[in-house]
Each structure stands twice: as C-alpha cells, then as structure tokens.
Amino acid sequence: MKITHQKVKELSETQLLAVSKLIDSDYDALDFLKLSIEDLKNMEHTIVMLHDDYEAFDAGIIGKYLVGFSLFKEDSPRAISTRTTIIRKEFRGSGYGNKINTYIEDLAKKNGYKKIKCNIYTDNFASLFLKQKIGYLIVGCLRDYDAEGIDEYILVKDI
C-alpha cells in the first residue's frame, strides 16, 4: 500500500471522481454527507489517500486503487482537525484506518502541530473505538448539532 497527500484543490478530475465514488459507496443512507466533485474542488482541506498498486477501473484511478482517504485542515496554528476518514468496505478491519491516522499524525508533528481534533457521530462505534484505541480523548459532545440532528463527540489527541 502507498500513502500520498496533497491539497484537495490540486486533485485531478480522475482523482476527484474516485474520491467522490468512494464517498457515495460509503454513505448510501446519509445523503447529507455526500460531497459533489464541485464541493471537493472548493475545499481547503488536505487529503491523505491510501492506494493499492493494482489496476481498478471502477475506482477511477488507472493503476491505483483508492482503498481509503482522510481529509484534514489547520484548525489553529497549533492544531489540525480531521473531517472524515473513509476506508473501502472490503478493506475495513485490516489496519488501514490506523495507517492513515499515523500518517496524518506524523505529518502534523513534522509541521509543528501539537493537537489533532475530530468529531465523530455518537453512533459510529467503530470510529470511536479506533480513535480511543490510538489515544484520542472525548472532550465534549455536540447535541443535535448538524442538519440531521445527529449528536457528535469531540475528540482530541496531543501529538
């Protein structure tokens, strides 16, 4: 597996299509989380992408199969926040989410950040378990926070 990162605004049309397809395949029931290619083009986030090295046409990246990705951006001069991490369903439970998290932490440390923050829906037990396992602490809860009225935990990790 290979991990790369770049600004979302710098992704090619083919890469944007692959990311959009992965979002669509993961959030079938949660329409409000879907991002169009235009939405992605306007994001200020950095994307970390995990690729396998075999060809998969349906992923939209010839020669590189998009296994998963995470989005993050600067939250303050001392902290970054991650927006989402999505791992293709057939690769979940294989440690790839942890691999992406470690990559982001190392990148953040190298750039002088001290904390990483994320929000996780209170019913997303797999992500919550993973984040707590790697050292994130729940520091708060946002009740009825988004347009769908879903509660979110706020988690922070010192790096």
N, C-alpha and C. Protein backbone atom coordinates (compact mmCIF):
# COMPACT_ATOMS: atom_id res chain seq x y z
N MET A 1 0.84 -1.19 0.00
CA MET A 1 0.00 0.00 0.00
C MET A 1 0.88 1.25 0.00
N LYS A 2 0.39 2.26 -0.65
CA LYS A 2 1.12 3.53 -0.75
C LYS A 2 0.21 4.64 -0.22
N ILE A 3 0.79 5.54 0.57
CA ILE A 3 0.04 6.69 1.08
C ILE A 3 0.61 7.94 0.44
N THR A 4 -0.29 8.80 -0.04
CA THR A 4 0.11 10.10 -0.59
C THR A 4 -0.79 11.18 0.02
N HIS A 5 -0.33 12.42 -0.06
CA HIS A 5 -1.18 13.52 0.39
C HIS A 5 -0.97 14.72 -0.54
N GLN A 6 -2.03 15.51 -0.65
CA GLN A 6 -1.95 16.76 -1.39
C GLN A 6 -3.20 17.57 -1.08
N LYS A 7 -3.18 18.81 -1.48
CA LYS A 7 -4.35 19.68 -1.30
C LYS A 7 -5.48 19.15 -2.18
N VAL A 8 -6.69 19.14 -1.65
CA VAL A 8 -7.83 18.65 -2.41
C VAL A 8 -7.98 19.44 -3.71
N LYS A 9 -7.75 20.75 -3.64
CA LYS A 9 -7.87 21.60 -4.83
C LYS A 9 -6.92 21.21 -5.96
N GLU A 10 -5.86 20.44 -5.62
CA GLU A 10 -4.86 20.05 -6.62
C GLU A 10 -5.13 18.68 -7.22
N LEU A 11 -6.20 18.00 -6.80
CA LEU A 11 -6.50 16.68 -7.34
C LEU A 11 -6.94 16.79 -8.80
N SER A 12 -6.58 15.78 -9.57
CA SER A 12 -7.04 15.73 -10.96
C SER A 12 -8.53 15.37 -10.99
N GLU A 13 -9.15 15.57 -12.13
CA GLU A 13 -10.57 15.20 -12.28
C GLU A 13 -10.76 13.72 -11.99
N THR A 14 -9.83 12.89 -12.45
CA THR A 14 -9.93 11.44 -12.23
C THR A 14 -9.84 11.11 -10.74
N GLN A 15 -8.93 11.76 -10.03
CA GLN A 15 -8.81 11.53 -8.59
C GLN A 15 -10.05 12.03 -7.86
N LEU A 16 -10.57 13.19 -8.24
CA LEU A 16 -11.80 13.70 -7.62
C LEU A 16 -12.96 12.73 -7.84
N LEU A 17 -13.04 12.15 -9.02
CA LEU A 17 -14.09 11.19 -9.30
C LEU A 17 -13.96 9.96 -8.40
N ALA A 18 -12.73 9.48 -8.21
CA ALA A 18 -12.51 8.31 -7.36
C ALA A 18 -12.91 8.59 -5.92
N VAL A 19 -12.55 9.77 -5.41
CA VAL A 19 -12.92 10.15 -4.04
C VAL A 19 -14.42 10.26 -3.93
N SER A 20 -15.05 10.91 -4.89
CA SER A 20 -16.49 11.07 -4.88
C SER A 20 -17.20 9.71 -4.90
N LYS A 21 -16.71 8.78 -5.72
CA LYS A 21 -17.30 7.44 -5.78
C LYS A 21 -17.18 6.71 -4.46
N LEU A 22 -16.04 6.86 -3.79
CA LEU A 22 -15.84 6.19 -2.50
C LEU A 22 -16.78 6.78 -1.45
N ILE A 23 -16.96 8.10 -1.47
CA ILE A 23 -17.91 8.73 -0.54
C ILE A 23 -19.32 8.20 -0.82
N ASP A 24 -19.70 8.17 -2.08
CA ASP A 24 -21.04 7.69 -2.44
C ASP A 24 -21.25 6.25 -2.01
N SER A 25 -20.24 5.41 -2.18
CA SER A 25 -20.40 3.99 -1.83
C SER A 25 -20.47 3.79 -0.32
N ASP A 26 -19.89 4.70 0.45
CA ASP A 26 -19.85 4.55 1.90
C ASP A 26 -21.09 5.12 2.57
N TYR A 27 -21.66 6.17 2.03
CA TYR A 27 -22.74 6.88 2.70
C TYR A 27 -24.07 6.77 1.95
N ASP A 28 -24.44 5.56 1.59
CA ASP A 28 -25.69 5.36 0.86
C ASP A 28 -26.88 5.95 1.58
N ALA A 29 -26.94 5.80 2.90
CA ALA A 29 -28.12 6.23 3.65
C ALA A 29 -28.00 7.66 4.18
N LEU A 30 -26.82 8.25 4.06
CA LEU A 30 -26.58 9.56 4.66
C LEU A 30 -26.31 10.59 3.56
N ASP A 31 -27.35 10.99 2.86
CA ASP A 31 -27.20 11.89 1.72
C ASP A 31 -26.52 13.20 2.08
N PHE A 32 -26.71 13.68 3.31
CA PHE A 32 -26.14 14.97 3.67
C PHE A 32 -24.62 14.93 3.76
N LEU A 33 -24.00 13.75 3.81
CA LEU A 33 -22.55 13.65 3.88
C LEU A 33 -21.91 13.56 2.50
N LYS A 34 -22.71 13.35 1.47
CA LYS A 34 -22.15 13.22 0.14
C LYS A 34 -21.61 14.57 -0.31
N LEU A 35 -20.47 14.51 -0.95
CA LEU A 35 -19.83 15.71 -1.49
C LEU A 35 -19.74 15.56 -3.00
N SER A 36 -20.18 16.54 -3.71
CA SER A 36 -20.04 16.51 -5.16
C SER A 36 -18.60 16.83 -5.53
N ILE A 37 -18.27 16.61 -6.78
CA ILE A 37 -16.93 16.95 -7.25
C ILE A 37 -16.71 18.45 -7.10
N GLU A 38 -17.74 19.26 -7.36
CA GLU A 38 -17.62 20.71 -7.17
C GLU A 38 -17.36 21.06 -5.71
N ASP A 39 -18.06 20.38 -4.78
CA ASP A 39 -17.82 20.60 -3.35
C ASP A 39 -16.36 20.30 -3.01
N LEU A 40 -15.86 19.18 -3.52
CA LEU A 40 -14.47 18.79 -3.25
C LEU A 40 -13.49 19.82 -3.80
N LYS A 41 -13.74 20.31 -5.00
CA LYS A 41 -12.84 21.29 -5.63
C LYS A 41 -12.70 22.56 -4.79
N ASN A 42 -13.72 22.89 -4.03
CA ASN A 42 -13.72 24.13 -3.25
C ASN A 42 -13.21 23.96 -1.82
N MET A 43 -12.79 22.76 -1.47
CA MET A 43 -12.34 22.51 -0.10
C MET A 43 -10.92 23.02 0.13
N GLU A 44 -10.68 23.51 1.33
CA GLU A 44 -9.34 23.96 1.72
C GLU A 44 -8.54 22.84 2.39
N HIS A 45 -9.10 21.66 2.46
CA HIS A 45 -8.50 20.53 3.17
C HIS A 45 -7.34 19.91 2.39
N THR A 46 -6.53 19.17 3.13
CA THR A 46 -5.54 18.28 2.54
C THR A 46 -6.14 16.89 2.59
N ILE A 47 -5.89 16.10 1.57
CA ILE A 47 -6.39 14.73 1.54
C ILE A 47 -5.21 13.77 1.63
N VAL A 48 -5.37 12.75 2.46
CA VAL A 48 -4.40 11.66 2.56
C VAL A 48 -5.08 10.47 1.92
N MET A 49 -4.44 9.90 0.89
CA MET A 49 -5.04 8.79 0.15
C MET A 49 -4.19 7.53 0.28
N LEU A 50 -4.87 6.42 0.50
CA LEU A 50 -4.23 5.11 0.59
C LEU A 50 -4.58 4.33 -0.68
N HIS A 51 -3.55 3.92 -1.43
CA HIS A 51 -3.74 3.23 -2.70
C HIS A 51 -3.17 1.82 -2.63
N ASP A 52 -3.82 0.90 -3.31
CA ASP A 52 -3.20 -0.38 -3.60
C ASP A 52 -2.56 -0.21 -4.97
N ASP A 53 -1.65 -1.11 -5.33
CA ASP A 53 -0.91 -0.87 -6.57
C ASP A 53 -1.41 -1.69 -7.75
N TYR A 54 -2.65 -2.16 -7.70
CA TYR A 54 -3.18 -2.86 -8.88
C TYR A 54 -4.25 -2.01 -9.56
N GLU A 55 -4.51 -2.33 -10.81
CA GLU A 55 -5.42 -1.53 -11.61
C GLU A 55 -6.87 -1.85 -11.27
N ALA A 56 -7.66 -0.81 -11.08
CA ALA A 56 -9.09 -1.00 -10.80
C ALA A 56 -9.85 0.12 -11.48
N PHE A 57 -10.43 -0.17 -12.59
CA PHE A 57 -11.11 0.83 -13.39
C PHE A 57 -12.23 1.53 -12.62
N ASP A 58 -13.00 0.77 -11.82
CA ASP A 58 -14.14 1.38 -11.15
C ASP A 58 -13.74 2.41 -10.10
N ALA A 59 -12.49 2.40 -9.66
CA ALA A 59 -12.03 3.39 -8.69
C ALA A 59 -11.74 4.73 -9.36
N GLY A 60 -11.60 4.73 -10.68
CA GLY A 60 -11.36 5.99 -11.38
C GLY A 60 -9.90 6.39 -11.43
N ILE A 61 -9.03 5.62 -10.83
CA ILE A 61 -7.60 5.91 -10.89
C ILE A 61 -6.94 4.71 -11.54
N ILE A 62 -6.57 4.83 -12.79
CA ILE A 62 -5.96 3.72 -13.50
C ILE A 62 -4.62 3.39 -12.85
N GLY A 63 -4.44 2.14 -12.48
CA GLY A 63 -3.18 1.70 -11.89
C GLY A 63 -3.10 1.92 -10.39
N LYS A 64 -4.05 2.62 -9.83
CA LYS A 64 -4.02 2.85 -8.38
C LYS A 64 -5.44 2.74 -7.84
N TYR A 65 -5.68 1.76 -7.04
CA TYR A 65 -6.98 1.51 -6.47
C TYR A 65 -7.09 2.29 -5.17
N LEU A 66 -8.07 3.18 -5.08
CA LEU A 66 -8.23 4.00 -3.89
C LEU A 66 -8.87 3.15 -2.79
N VAL A 67 -8.10 2.84 -1.77
CA VAL A 67 -8.55 1.99 -0.66
C VAL A 67 -9.24 2.83 0.40
N GLY A 68 -8.75 4.04 0.62
CA GLY A 68 -9.34 4.91 1.62
C GLY A 68 -8.70 6.28 1.60
N PHE A 69 -9.30 7.19 2.36
CA PHE A 69 -8.74 8.53 2.45
C PHE A 69 -9.23 9.20 3.72
N SER A 70 -8.56 10.30 4.06
CA SER A 70 -8.97 11.16 5.16
C SER A 70 -8.72 12.60 4.75
N LEU A 71 -9.56 13.49 5.24
CA LEU A 71 -9.42 14.91 4.99
C LEU A 71 -9.05 15.62 6.29
N PHE A 72 -8.13 16.58 6.19
CA PHE A 72 -7.82 17.39 7.37
C PHE A 72 -7.47 18.80 6.95
N LYS A 73 -7.53 19.72 7.93
CA LYS A 73 -7.12 21.10 7.68
C LYS A 73 -6.64 21.71 8.99
N GLU A 74 -5.95 22.83 8.86
CA GLU A 74 -5.50 23.56 10.04
C GLU A 74 -6.71 24.12 10.77
N ASP A 75 -6.74 23.88 12.07
CA ASP A 75 -7.81 24.39 12.92
C ASP A 75 -7.35 25.65 13.65
N SER A 76 -6.06 25.67 13.96
CA SER A 76 -5.42 26.81 14.60
C SER A 76 -3.92 26.65 14.33
N PRO A 77 -3.10 27.62 14.70
CA PRO A 77 -1.66 27.46 14.48
C PRO A 77 -1.05 26.26 15.22
N ARG A 78 -1.78 25.74 16.20
CA ARG A 78 -1.27 24.60 16.99
C ARG A 78 -1.99 23.29 16.72
N ALA A 79 -3.09 23.31 15.95
CA ALA A 79 -3.91 22.11 15.83
C ALA A 79 -4.48 21.93 14.43
N ILE A 80 -4.70 20.66 14.08
CA ILE A 80 -5.42 20.34 12.86
C ILE A 80 -6.70 19.61 13.25
N SER A 81 -7.65 19.60 12.34
CA SER A 81 -8.85 18.81 12.57
C SER A 81 -9.09 17.93 11.36
N THR A 82 -9.48 16.69 11.63
CA THR A 82 -9.81 15.78 10.55
C THR A 82 -11.31 15.85 10.32
N ARG A 83 -11.69 15.80 9.06
CA ARG A 83 -13.12 15.89 8.73
C ARG A 83 -13.75 14.51 8.64
N THR A 84 -13.10 13.63 7.92
CA THR A 84 -13.65 12.29 7.75
C THR A 84 -12.54 11.35 7.35
N THR A 85 -12.72 10.09 7.67
CA THR A 85 -11.85 9.03 7.17
C THR A 85 -12.78 7.96 6.62
N ILE A 86 -12.54 7.57 5.40
CA ILE A 86 -13.35 6.51 4.78
C ILE A 86 -12.42 5.43 4.25
N ILE A 87 -12.69 4.21 4.65
CA ILE A 87 -11.96 3.04 4.14
C ILE A 87 -12.97 2.21 3.35
N ARG A 88 -12.58 1.80 2.16
CA ARG A 88 -13.46 0.95 1.34
C ARG A 88 -13.89 -0.26 2.17
N LYS A 89 -15.17 -0.60 2.11
CA LYS A 89 -15.77 -1.61 2.99
C LYS A 89 -14.99 -2.92 3.02
N GLU A 90 -14.54 -3.39 1.87
CA GLU A 90 -13.85 -4.68 1.85
C GLU A 90 -12.47 -4.65 2.49
N PHE A 91 -11.95 -3.46 2.82
CA PHE A 91 -10.64 -3.34 3.44
C PHE A 91 -10.72 -2.98 4.93
N ARG A 92 -11.92 -2.79 5.45
CA ARG A 92 -12.07 -2.41 6.86
C ARG A 92 -11.63 -3.55 7.77
N GLY A 93 -11.11 -3.17 8.93
CA GLY A 93 -10.65 -4.17 9.90
C GLY A 93 -9.25 -4.68 9.60
N SER A 94 -8.58 -4.09 8.62
CA SER A 94 -7.24 -4.53 8.22
C SER A 94 -6.14 -3.58 8.67
N GLY A 95 -6.48 -2.58 9.47
CA GLY A 95 -5.48 -1.66 9.98
C GLY A 95 -5.22 -0.44 9.11
N TYR A 96 -5.97 -0.28 8.02
CA TYR A 96 -5.71 0.83 7.13
C TYR A 96 -6.15 2.18 7.70
N GLY A 97 -7.22 2.19 8.47
CA GLY A 97 -7.62 3.43 9.14
C GLY A 97 -6.53 3.91 10.09
N ASN A 98 -5.94 2.97 10.82
CA ASN A 98 -4.84 3.30 11.73
C ASN A 98 -3.61 3.79 10.95
N LYS A 99 -3.36 3.18 9.80
CA LYS A 99 -2.22 3.59 8.97
C LYS A 99 -2.39 5.04 8.51
N ILE A 100 -3.60 5.39 8.07
CA ILE A 100 -3.87 6.76 7.64
C ILE A 100 -3.75 7.72 8.83
N ASN A 101 -4.30 7.35 9.99
CA ASN A 101 -4.19 8.20 11.18
C ASN A 101 -2.74 8.44 11.57
N THR A 102 -1.92 7.39 11.53
CA THR A 102 -0.49 7.53 11.87
C THR A 102 0.21 8.46 10.89
N TYR A 103 -0.11 8.34 9.62
CA TYR A 103 0.47 9.20 8.59
C TYR A 103 0.12 10.67 8.86
N ILE A 104 -1.15 10.93 9.18
CA ILE A 104 -1.59 12.30 9.47
C ILE A 104 -0.89 12.83 10.71
N GLU A 105 -0.78 12.02 11.75
CA GLU A 105 -0.10 12.45 12.98
C GLU A 105 1.35 12.80 12.69
N ASP A 106 2.05 11.95 11.94
CA ASP A 106 3.46 12.21 11.62
C ASP A 106 3.61 13.49 10.79
N LEU A 107 2.71 13.69 9.85
CA LEU A 107 2.72 14.90 9.02
C LEU A 107 2.46 16.14 9.89
N ALA A 108 1.50 16.03 10.79
CA ALA A 108 1.18 17.16 11.68
C ALA A 108 2.37 17.50 12.59
N LYS A 109 2.97 16.48 13.18
CA LYS A 109 4.15 16.70 14.05
C LYS A 109 5.26 17.39 13.28
N LYS A 110 5.53 16.88 12.07
CA LYS A 110 6.60 17.43 11.24
C LYS A 110 6.36 18.91 10.93
N ASN A 111 5.10 19.32 10.90
CA ASN A 111 4.75 20.71 10.59
C ASN A 111 4.46 21.54 11.84
N GLY A 112 4.81 21.01 13.02
CA GLY A 112 4.76 21.79 14.25
C GLY A 112 3.43 21.82 14.98
N TYR A 113 2.46 21.02 14.55
CA TYR A 113 1.18 20.98 15.25
C TYR A 113 1.29 20.16 16.53
N LYS A 114 0.47 20.50 17.52
CA LYS A 114 0.52 19.85 18.83
C LYS A 114 -0.71 19.01 19.13
N LYS A 115 -1.81 19.25 18.42
CA LYS A 115 -3.06 18.55 18.69
C LYS A 115 -3.79 18.20 17.39
N ILE A 116 -4.57 17.13 17.48
CA ILE A 116 -5.47 16.76 16.40
C ILE A 116 -6.87 16.63 17.00
N LYS A 117 -7.83 17.23 16.32
CA LYS A 117 -9.22 17.19 16.77
C LYS A 117 -10.07 16.53 15.70
N CYS A 118 -11.10 15.83 16.15
CA CYS A 118 -12.08 15.30 15.21
C CYS A 118 -13.44 15.21 15.89
N ASN A 119 -14.46 15.18 15.09
CA ASN A 119 -15.83 14.96 15.56
C ASN A 119 -16.28 13.62 15.02
N ILE A 120 -16.93 12.83 15.87
CA ILE A 120 -17.42 11.51 15.46
C ILE A 120 -18.87 11.39 15.92
N TYR A 121 -19.74 10.93 15.03
CA TYR A 121 -21.13 10.70 15.42
C TYR A 121 -21.17 9.70 16.58
N THR A 122 -22.04 9.98 17.51
CA THR A 122 -22.10 9.15 18.73
C THR A 122 -22.48 7.70 18.45
N ASP A 123 -23.07 7.43 17.30
CA ASP A 123 -23.42 6.04 16.97
C ASP A 123 -22.41 5.37 16.04
N ASN A 124 -21.28 6.02 15.77
CA ASN A 124 -20.23 5.45 14.94
C ASN A 124 -19.21 4.74 15.84
N PHE A 125 -19.60 3.58 16.32
CA PHE A 125 -18.82 2.87 17.34
C PHE A 125 -17.45 2.42 16.83
N ALA A 126 -17.36 2.02 15.56
CA ALA A 126 -16.08 1.56 15.02
C ALA A 126 -15.04 2.68 15.02
N SER A 127 -15.43 3.87 14.53
CA SER A 127 -14.50 5.01 14.51
C SER A 127 -14.17 5.47 15.92
N LEU A 128 -15.16 5.50 16.78
CA LEU A 128 -14.94 5.90 18.16
C LEU A 128 -13.95 4.96 18.84
N PHE A 129 -14.12 3.66 18.66
CA PHE A 129 -13.22 2.67 19.24
C PHE A 129 -11.81 2.87 18.72
N LEU A 130 -11.67 3.04 17.40
CA LEU A 130 -10.34 3.22 16.80
C LEU A 130 -9.66 4.46 17.36
N LYS A 131 -10.36 5.58 17.40
CA LYS A 131 -9.74 6.82 17.87
C LYS A 131 -9.34 6.72 19.34
N GLN A 132 -10.17 6.11 20.17
CA GLN A 132 -9.81 5.97 21.59
C GLN A 132 -8.65 5.00 21.75
N LYS A 133 -8.60 3.98 20.93
CA LYS A 133 -7.51 2.99 20.98
C LYS A 133 -6.16 3.64 20.68
N ILE A 134 -6.16 4.65 19.83
CA ILE A 134 -4.89 5.29 19.45
C ILE A 134 -4.63 6.60 20.22
N GLY A 135 -5.40 6.82 21.31
CA GLY A 135 -5.06 7.91 22.21
C GLY A 135 -5.93 9.13 22.21
N TYR A 136 -7.00 9.15 21.43
CA TYR A 136 -7.91 10.29 21.44
C TYR A 136 -8.78 10.24 22.69
N LEU A 137 -9.08 11.42 23.23
CA LEU A 137 -9.95 11.54 24.40
C LEU A 137 -11.21 12.31 24.02
N ILE A 138 -12.35 11.86 24.53
CA ILE A 138 -13.60 12.59 24.32
C ILE A 138 -13.57 13.81 25.24
N VAL A 139 -13.69 15.00 24.66
CA VAL A 139 -13.64 16.23 25.44
C VAL A 139 -14.97 16.97 25.46
N GLY A 140 -15.93 16.47 24.70
CA GLY A 140 -17.23 17.12 24.68
C GLY A 140 -18.20 16.40 23.76
N CYS A 141 -19.43 16.87 23.78
CA CYS A 141 -20.47 16.31 22.91
C CYS A 141 -21.33 17.45 22.39
N LEU A 142 -21.54 17.46 21.10
CA LEU A 142 -22.41 18.44 20.47
C LEU A 142 -23.77 17.78 20.26
N ARG A 143 -24.78 18.26 20.93
CA ARG A 143 -26.12 17.67 20.84
C ARG A 143 -26.90 18.29 19.70
N ASP A 144 -27.55 17.43 18.93
CA ASP A 144 -28.43 17.88 17.85
C ASP A 144 -27.69 18.90 16.97
N TYR A 145 -26.47 18.57 16.59
CA TYR A 145 -25.54 19.54 16.02
C TYR A 145 -25.76 19.87 14.56
N ASP A 146 -25.92 18.85 13.73
CA ASP A 146 -25.97 19.13 12.30
C ASP A 146 -27.40 19.17 11.76
N ALA A 147 -27.52 19.30 10.47
CA ALA A 147 -28.84 19.44 9.84
C ALA A 147 -29.73 18.23 10.07
N GLU A 148 -29.13 17.07 10.29
CA GLU A 148 -29.89 15.85 10.51
C GLU A 148 -30.20 15.62 11.99
N GLY A 149 -29.70 16.48 12.87
CA GLY A 149 -29.96 16.35 14.30
C GLY A 149 -29.18 15.24 14.97
N ILE A 150 -28.03 14.90 14.43
CA ILE A 150 -27.20 13.83 14.98
C ILE A 150 -26.22 14.40 16.00
N ASP A 151 -26.05 13.69 17.11
CA ASP A 151 -25.08 14.09 18.13
C ASP A 151 -23.67 13.68 17.71
N GLU A 152 -22.69 14.50 18.09
CA GLU A 152 -21.30 14.21 17.76
C GLU A 152 -20.44 14.36 18.99
N TYR A 153 -19.49 13.42 19.16
CA TYR A 153 -18.45 13.57 20.16
C TYR A 153 -17.32 14.42 19.58
N ILE A 154 -16.70 15.22 20.42
CA ILE A 154 -15.49 15.95 20.06
C ILE A 154 -14.34 15.20 20.71
N LEU A 155 -13.37 14.80 19.91
CA LEU A 155 -12.21 14.06 20.41
C LEU A 155 -10.94 14.84 20.10
N VAL A 156 -9.98 14.76 21.00
CA VAL A 156 -8.70 15.46 20.83
C VAL A 156 -7.57 14.52 21.22
N LYS A 157 -6.47 14.65 20.50
CA LYS A 157 -5.25 13.88 20.83
C LYS A 157 -4.07 14.84 20.83
N ASP A 158 -3.26 14.78 21.88
CA ASP A 158 -1.99 15.50 21.91
C ASP A 158 -0.97 14.68 21.13
N ILE A 159 -0.22 15.37 20.28
CA ILE A 159 0.79 14.65 19.47
C ILE A 159 2.19 15.18 19.73
